[in-house]
Amino acid sequence: MAEIDLTKLTKLYYSIGELASMLDVNASLLRFWEKEFQELQPKKTQKGNRQYTKKDIALLQRINILVKQQGYTIQGAKDQLKLRDPKIISEEMEVVDRLKRIRQKLIELKKKLD
């Protein structure tokens, strides 16, 4: 599963195609999840094109982890999301992203020292 480094996202909005590619899933799955998870409400243009924010992306990444990696059913994933504040989840994911970048820098430094 592809993990998205939220700190490297530079645009305000991402299309469904861009997001599907980032998460390595089909756009139809993202549309399905939008129907199933009421917390997920991407902005839509006048033409009906979805525009995903970093907050939407963090939520979709969490859903993806719950369903694809951890094997939760849709209802199980909904229950897990209700147990945890979405803001806290988003902040935790940002911390994990920062830690991954720090780890990568440490690996690079270690290679230089060897």
C-alpha atoms as a PDB file:
ATOM      1  CA  MET A   1       0.000   0.000   0.000  1.00  0.00           C
ATOM      2  CA  ALA A   2       1.235   3.433  -0.872  1.00  0.00           C
ATOM      3  CA  GLU A   3       1.644   5.826   2.041  1.00  0.00           C
ATOM      4  CA  ILE A   4       1.277   9.524   1.422  1.00  0.00           C
ATOM      5  CA  ASP A   5       3.651  11.961   3.098  1.00  0.00           C
ATOM      6  CA  LEU A   6       1.148  14.694   3.959  1.00  0.00           C
ATOM      7  CA  THR A   7       3.908  17.212   4.599  1.00  0.00           C
ATOM      8  CA  LYS A   8       5.034  16.970   0.959  1.00  0.00           C
ATOM      9  CA  LEU A   9       1.628  17.822  -0.466  1.00  0.00           C
ATOM     10  CA  THR A  10       1.901  21.301  -1.963  1.00  0.00           C
ATOM     11  CA  LYS A  11      -1.463  21.891  -3.614  1.00  0.00           C
ATOM     12  CA  LEU A  12      -4.667  22.965  -1.880  1.00  0.00           C
ATOM     13  CA  TYR A  13      -6.777  20.446  -3.775  1.00  0.00           C
ATOM     14  CA  TYR A  14      -6.147  17.114  -5.477  1.00  0.00           C
ATOM     15  CA  SER A  15      -8.330  15.403  -8.069  1.00  0.00           C
ATOM     16  CA  ILE A  16      -9.788  11.939  -7.618  1.00  0.00           C
ATOM     17  CA  GLY A  17      -7.360  10.613 -10.233  1.00  0.00           C
ATOM     18  CA  GLU A  18      -4.350  12.069  -8.435  1.00  0.00           C
ATOM     19  CA  LEU A  19      -5.530  10.705  -5.108  1.00  0.00           C
ATOM     20  CA  ALA A  20      -6.323   7.268  -6.525  1.00  0.00           C
ATOM     21  CA  SER A  21      -2.803   7.139  -7.921  1.00  0.00           C
ATOM     22  CA  MET A  22      -1.256   8.279  -4.624  1.00  0.00           C
ATOM     23  CA  LEU A  23      -3.168   5.637  -2.640  1.00  0.00           C
ATOM     24  CA  ASP A  24      -2.775   2.982  -5.346  1.00  0.00           C
ATOM     25  CA  VAL A  25      -6.525   2.315  -5.508  1.00  0.00           C
ATOM     26  CA  ASN A  26      -9.254   2.773  -8.114  1.00  0.00           C
ATOM     27  CA  ALA A  27     -11.196   6.035  -8.304  1.00  0.00           C
ATOM     28  CA  SER A  28     -14.376   3.975  -8.008  1.00  0.00           C
ATOM     29  CA  LEU A  29     -13.217   2.767  -4.576  1.00  0.00           C
ATOM     30  CA  LEU A  30     -12.766   6.370  -3.447  1.00  0.00           C
ATOM     31  CA  ARG A  31     -16.294   7.204  -4.647  1.00  0.00           C
ATOM     32  CA  PHE A  32     -17.617   4.136  -2.792  1.00  0.00           C
ATOM     33  CA  TRP A  33     -15.845   5.155   0.411  1.00  0.00           C
ATOM     34  CA  GLU A  34     -17.297   8.648   0.039  1.00  0.00           C
ATOM     35  CA  LYS A  35     -20.794   7.127   0.091  1.00  0.00           C
ATOM     36  CA  GLU A  36     -19.978   4.868   3.050  1.00  0.00           C
ATOM     37  CA  PHE A  37     -18.100   7.302   5.302  1.00  0.00           C
ATOM     38  CA  GLN A  38     -20.099  10.438   6.039  1.00  0.00           C
ATOM     39  CA  GLU A  39     -16.986  12.148   7.444  1.00  0.00           C
ATOM     40  CA  LEU A  40     -15.580  12.181   3.929  1.00  0.00           C
ATOM     41  CA  GLN A  41     -17.067  15.060   1.981  1.00  0.00           C
ATOM     42  CA  PRO A  42     -14.661  16.410  -0.627  1.00  0.00           C
ATOM     43  CA  LYS A  43     -15.433  19.745  -2.192  1.00  0.00           C
ATOM     44  CA  LYS A  44     -16.993  19.514  -5.654  1.00  0.00           C
ATOM     45  CA  THR A  45     -16.627  21.906  -8.564  1.00  0.00           C
ATOM     46  CA  GLN A  46     -19.600  23.165 -10.562  1.00  0.00           C
ATOM     47  CA  LYS A  47     -18.979  20.266 -12.948  1.00  0.00           C
ATOM     48  CA  GLY A  48     -19.085  17.812 -10.044  1.00  0.00           C
ATOM     49  CA  ASN A  49     -15.356  17.048  -9.988  1.00  0.00           C
ATOM     50  CA  ARG A  50     -14.123  16.133  -6.521  1.00  0.00           C
ATOM     51  CA  GLN A  51     -11.389  18.217  -4.918  1.00  0.00           C
ATOM     52  CA  TYR A  52      -9.629  16.591  -1.981  1.00  0.00           C
ATOM     53  CA  THR A  53      -7.850  18.578   0.744  1.00  0.00           C
ATOM     54  CA  LYS A  54      -5.034  17.332   2.973  1.00  0.00           C
ATOM     55  CA  LYS A  55      -7.655  16.601   5.636  1.00  0.00           C
ATOM     56  CA  ASP A  56      -9.621  14.456   3.147  1.00  0.00           C
ATOM     57  CA  ILE A  57      -6.425  12.703   2.097  1.00  0.00           C
ATOM     58  CA  ALA A  58      -5.463  11.950   5.710  1.00  0.00           C
ATOM     59  CA  LEU A  59      -8.926  10.481   6.320  1.00  0.00           C
ATOM     60  CA  LEU A  60      -8.798   8.383   3.147  1.00  0.00           C
ATOM     61  CA  GLN A  61      -5.350   7.140   4.050  1.00  0.00           C
ATOM     62  CA  ARG A  62      -6.681   6.105   7.476  1.00  0.00           C
ATOM     63  CA  ILE A  63      -9.657   4.327   5.879  1.00  0.00           C
ATOM     64  CA  ASN A  64      -7.306   2.609   3.459  1.00  0.00           C
ATOM     65  CA  ILE A  65      -5.111   1.377   6.318  1.00  0.00           C
ATOM     66  CA  LEU A  66      -8.090   0.140   8.330  1.00  0.00           C
ATOM     67  CA  VAL A  67      -9.728  -1.698   5.430  1.00  0.00           C
ATOM     68  CA  LYS A  68      -6.797  -2.847   3.295  1.00  0.00           C
ATOM     69  CA  GLN A  69      -3.972  -3.380   5.795  1.00  0.00           C
ATOM     70  CA  GLN A  70      -5.746  -4.165   9.026  1.00  0.00           C
ATOM     71  CA  GLY A  71      -8.625  -6.091   7.449  1.00  0.00           C
ATOM     72  CA  TYR A  72     -11.538  -4.193   8.969  1.00  0.00           C
ATOM     73  CA  THR A  73     -14.948  -4.403   7.352  1.00  0.00           C
ATOM     74  CA  ILE A  74     -16.529  -1.124   6.268  1.00  0.00           C
ATOM     75  CA  GLN A  75     -18.618  -1.112   9.458  1.00  0.00           C
ATOM     76  CA  GLY A  76     -15.555  -1.962  11.546  1.00  0.00           C
ATOM     77  CA  ALA A  77     -13.627   0.911   9.966  1.00  0.00           C
ATOM     78  CA  LYS A  78     -16.554   3.258  10.649  1.00  0.00           C
ATOM     79  CA  ASP A  79     -16.556   2.159  14.290  1.00  0.00           C
ATOM     80  CA  GLN A  80     -12.798   2.723  14.584  1.00  0.00           C
ATOM     81  CA  LEU A  81     -13.080   6.200  13.102  1.00  0.00           C
ATOM     82  CA  LYS A  82     -15.837   7.094  15.567  1.00  0.00           C
ATOM     83  CA  LEU A  83     -13.635   6.009  18.467  1.00  0.00           C
ATOM     84  CA  ARG A  84     -10.900   8.424  17.488  1.00  0.00           C
ATOM     85  CA  ASP A  85     -11.041  12.143  16.825  1.00  0.00           C
ATOM     86  CA  PRO A  86     -10.187  12.763  13.131  1.00  0.00           C
ATOM     87  CA  LYS A  87      -8.033  15.748  14.102  1.00  0.00           C
ATOM     88  CA  ILE A  88      -5.920  13.547  16.373  1.00  0.00           C
ATOM     89  CA  ILE A  89      -5.611  10.905  13.652  1.00  0.00           C
ATOM     90  CA  SER A  90      -4.460  13.537  11.162  1.00  0.00           C
ATOM     91  CA  GLU A  91      -1.927  14.907  13.633  1.00  0.00           C
ATOM     92  CA  GLU A  92      -0.651  11.400  14.400  1.00  0.00           C
ATOM     93  CA  MET A  93      -0.196  10.691  10.695  1.00  0.00           C
ATOM     94  CA  GLU A  94       1.752  13.935  10.287  1.00  0.00           C
ATOM     95  CA  VAL A  95       4.006  12.926  13.199  1.00  0.00           C
ATOM     96  CA  VAL A  96       4.585   9.521  11.605  1.00  0.00           C
ATOM     97  CA  ASP A  97       5.470  11.239   8.319  1.00  0.00           C
ATOM     98  CA  ARG A  98       7.949  13.509  10.094  1.00  0.00           C
ATOM     99  CA  LEU A  99       9.510  10.541  11.881  1.00  0.00           C
ATOM    100  CA  LYS A 100       9.904   8.708   8.581  1.00  0.00           C
ATOM    101  CA  ARG A 101      11.717  11.712   7.102  1.00  0.00           C
ATOM    102  CA  ILE A 102      13.991  11.911  10.158  1.00  0.00           C
ATOM    103  CA  ARG A 103      14.715   8.194   9.882  1.00  0.00           C
ATOM    104  CA  GLN A 104      15.603   8.608   6.210  1.00  0.00           C
ATOM    105  CA  LYS A 105      17.960  11.475   7.031  1.00  0.00           C
ATOM    106  CA  LEU A 106      19.614   9.394   9.743  1.00  0.00           C
ATOM    107  CA  ILE A 107      20.106   6.516   7.295  1.00  0.00           C
ATOM    108  CA  GLU A 108      21.691   8.932   4.805  1.00  0.00           C
ATOM    109  CA  LEU A 109      24.001  10.318   7.502  1.00  0.00           C
ATOM    110  CA  LYS A 110      25.010   6.821   8.553  1.00  0.00           C
ATOM    111  CA  LYS A 111      25.892   5.960   4.939  1.00  0.00           C
ATOM    112  CA  LYS A 112      28.107   9.044   4.742  1.00  0.00           C
ATOM    113  CA  LEU A 113      29.915   8.007   7.918  1.00  0.00           C
ATOM    114  CA  ASP A 114      30.543   4.450   6.725  1.00  0.00           C
END
